[in-house]
Amino acid sequence: TLPLLFILNPPDPLPSLGVLSAVAFLAGFLACITGPNIRAMLLNVNTPETRGTSFALYNLMDDLGKGMGPALIACVIGALGRQKGF
């Protein structure tokens, strides 16, 4: 969360492009770790009979979050402004 907060609310004199790129790379690296871990946990925790249902529910919620999340945040930013929205 710290790299994301740094990117969303940078300090007043903007850092160099290299620093912003490094922070963005770190944020992307940290954000992509959870997907494979959740899938591995679902595979190990659920019985073979319920594994398909649990993966379907996970994928449904993941896709809904990817689709509706940005739209919801855009509405919040539009209503409250950029500073209060985050």
C-alpha atoms as a PDB file:
ATOM      1  CA  THR A   1       0.000   0.000   0.000  1.00  0.00           C
ATOM      2  CA  LEU A   2       2.856   2.405   0.615  1.00  0.00           C
ATOM      3  CA  PRO A   3       4.035   2.501  -3.018  1.00  0.00           C
ATOM      4  CA  LEU A   4       0.452   3.110  -4.139  1.00  0.00           C
ATOM      5  CA  LEU A   5       0.001   5.948  -1.649  1.00  0.00           C
ATOM      6  CA  PHE A   6       3.282   7.474  -2.826  1.00  0.00           C
ATOM      7  CA  ILE A   7       2.120   7.355  -6.444  1.00  0.00           C
ATOM      8  CA  LEU A   8      -1.343   8.761  -5.664  1.00  0.00           C
ATOM      9  CA  ASN A   9      -0.115  11.560  -3.378  1.00  0.00           C
ATOM     10  CA  PRO A  10       3.453  12.414  -4.430  1.00  0.00           C
ATOM     11  CA  PRO A  11       5.484  14.995  -2.529  1.00  0.00           C
ATOM     12  CA  ASP A  12       5.217  18.607  -3.662  1.00  0.00           C
ATOM     13  CA  PRO A  13       8.450  18.781  -5.655  1.00  0.00           C
ATOM     14  CA  LEU A  14       7.888  15.763  -7.889  1.00  0.00           C
ATOM     15  CA  PRO A  15      10.636  13.139  -7.746  1.00  0.00           C
ATOM     16  CA  SER A  16      12.491  12.170 -10.889  1.00  0.00           C
ATOM     17  CA  LEU A  17      10.997   9.844 -13.455  1.00  0.00           C
ATOM     18  CA  GLY A  18      13.399   7.104 -12.347  1.00  0.00           C
ATOM     19  CA  VAL A  19      12.141   7.226  -8.757  1.00  0.00           C
ATOM     20  CA  LEU A  20       8.505   7.201  -9.862  1.00  0.00           C
ATOM     21  CA  SER A  21       9.194   4.297 -12.221  1.00  0.00           C
ATOM     22  CA  ALA A  22      10.930   2.305  -9.470  1.00  0.00           C
ATOM     23  CA  VAL A  23       8.031   2.898  -7.073  1.00  0.00           C
ATOM     24  CA  ALA A  24       5.510   1.917  -9.767  1.00  0.00           C
ATOM     25  CA  PHE A  25       7.485  -1.268 -10.488  1.00  0.00           C
ATOM     26  CA  LEU A  26       7.550  -2.134  -6.771  1.00  0.00           C
ATOM     27  CA  ALA A  27       3.800  -1.495  -6.469  1.00  0.00           C
ATOM     28  CA  GLY A  28       3.082  -3.725  -9.461  1.00  0.00           C
ATOM     29  CA  PHE A  29       5.322  -6.466  -8.101  1.00  0.00           C
ATOM     30  CA  LEU A  30       3.625  -6.390  -4.693  1.00  0.00           C
ATOM     31  CA  ALA A  31       0.144  -6.299  -6.210  1.00  0.00           C
ATOM     32  CA  CYS A  32       0.643  -9.391  -8.371  1.00  0.00           C
ATOM     33  CA  ILE A  33       1.807 -11.656  -5.526  1.00  0.00           C
ATOM     34  CA  THR A  34      -1.645 -12.346  -4.070  1.00  0.00           C
ATOM     35  CA  GLY A  35      -3.282 -14.050  -7.085  1.00  0.00           C
ATOM     36  CA  PRO A  36      -1.062 -17.156  -7.247  1.00  0.00           C
ATOM     37  CA  ASN A  37      -1.049 -17.471  -3.454  1.00  0.00           C
ATOM     38  CA  ILE A  38      -4.838 -17.445  -3.224  1.00  0.00           C
ATOM     39  CA  ARG A  39      -5.124 -20.026  -5.990  1.00  0.00           C
ATOM     40  CA  ALA A  40      -2.610 -22.295  -4.226  1.00  0.00           C
ATOM     41  CA  MET A  41      -4.517 -21.973  -0.943  1.00  0.00           C
ATOM     42  CA  LEU A  42      -7.828 -22.753  -2.640  1.00  0.00           C
ATOM     43  CA  LEU A  43      -6.262 -25.814  -4.227  1.00  0.00           C
ATOM     44  CA  ASN A  44      -4.898 -27.104  -0.915  1.00  0.00           C
ATOM     45  CA  VAL A  45      -7.800 -26.241   1.383  1.00  0.00           C
ATOM     46  CA  ASN A  46     -10.808 -27.473  -0.598  1.00  0.00           C
ATOM     47  CA  THR A  47     -11.735 -31.052  -1.301  1.00  0.00           C
ATOM     48  CA  PRO A  48     -11.729 -32.187  -4.932  1.00  0.00           C
ATOM     49  CA  GLU A  49     -15.544 -32.232  -4.968  1.00  0.00           C
ATOM     50  CA  THR A  50     -15.850 -28.541  -4.062  1.00  0.00           C
ATOM     51  CA  ARG A  51     -12.704 -27.258  -5.752  1.00  0.00           C
ATOM     52  CA  GLY A  52     -14.464 -26.236  -8.967  1.00  0.00           C
ATOM     53  CA  THR A  53     -17.109 -24.272  -7.089  1.00  0.00           C
ATOM     54  CA  SER A  54     -14.560 -22.443  -4.980  1.00  0.00           C
ATOM     55  CA  PHE A  55     -12.444 -21.521  -8.014  1.00  0.00           C
ATOM     56  CA  ALA A  56     -15.534 -20.346  -9.899  1.00  0.00           C
ATOM     57  CA  LEU A  57     -16.592 -18.138  -6.978  1.00  0.00           C
ATOM     58  CA  TYR A  58     -13.074 -16.754  -6.597  1.00  0.00           C
ATOM     59  CA  ASN A  59     -12.783 -15.957 -10.309  1.00  0.00           C
ATOM     60  CA  LEU A  60     -16.228 -14.361 -10.344  1.00  0.00           C
ATOM     61  CA  MET A  61     -15.401 -12.065  -7.424  1.00  0.00           C
ATOM     62  CA  ASP A  62     -11.975 -11.280  -8.865  1.00  0.00           C
ATOM     63  CA  ASP A  63     -13.458 -10.306 -12.228  1.00  0.00           C
ATOM     64  CA  LEU A  64     -16.212  -8.253 -10.604  1.00  0.00           C
ATOM     65  CA  GLY A  65     -13.603  -6.386  -8.584  1.00  0.00           C
ATOM     66  CA  LYS A  66     -11.517  -5.701 -11.666  1.00  0.00           C
ATOM     67  CA  GLY A  67     -14.540  -4.421 -13.562  1.00  0.00           C
ATOM     68  CA  MET A  68     -16.503  -2.539 -10.931  1.00  0.00           C
ATOM     69  CA  GLY A  69     -13.620  -1.282  -8.788  1.00  0.00           C
ATOM     70  CA  PRO A  70     -12.364   1.423 -11.146  1.00  0.00           C
ATOM     71  CA  ALA A  71     -15.929   2.573 -11.893  1.00  0.00           C
ATOM     72  CA  LEU A  72     -16.729   2.826  -8.177  1.00  0.00           C
ATOM     73  CA  ILE A  73     -13.534   4.736  -7.449  1.00  0.00           C
ATOM     74  CA  ALA A  74     -14.257   7.106 -10.350  1.00  0.00           C
ATOM     75  CA  CYS A  75     -17.677   7.843  -8.823  1.00  0.00           C
ATOM     76  CA  VAL A  76     -16.126   8.446  -5.382  1.00  0.00           C
ATOM     77  CA  ILE A  77     -13.489  10.778  -6.838  1.00  0.00           C
ATOM     78  CA  GLY A  78     -16.149  12.596  -8.851  1.00  0.00           C
ATOM     79  CA  ALA A  79     -18.300  13.101  -5.761  1.00  0.00           C
ATOM     80  CA  LEU A  80     -15.624  13.902  -3.164  1.00  0.00           C
ATOM     81  CA  GLY A  81     -12.688  15.189  -5.196  1.00  0.00           C
ATOM     82  CA  ARG A  82      -9.256  13.684  -5.605  1.00  0.00           C
ATOM     83  CA  GLN A  83      -7.852  14.516  -2.160  1.00  0.00           C
ATOM     84  CA  LYS A  84     -10.850  13.262  -0.153  1.00  0.00           C
ATOM     85  CA  GLY A  85     -11.428  10.332  -2.488  1.00  0.00           C
ATOM     86  CA  PHE A  86      -8.149   8.751  -1.445  1.00  0.00           C
END
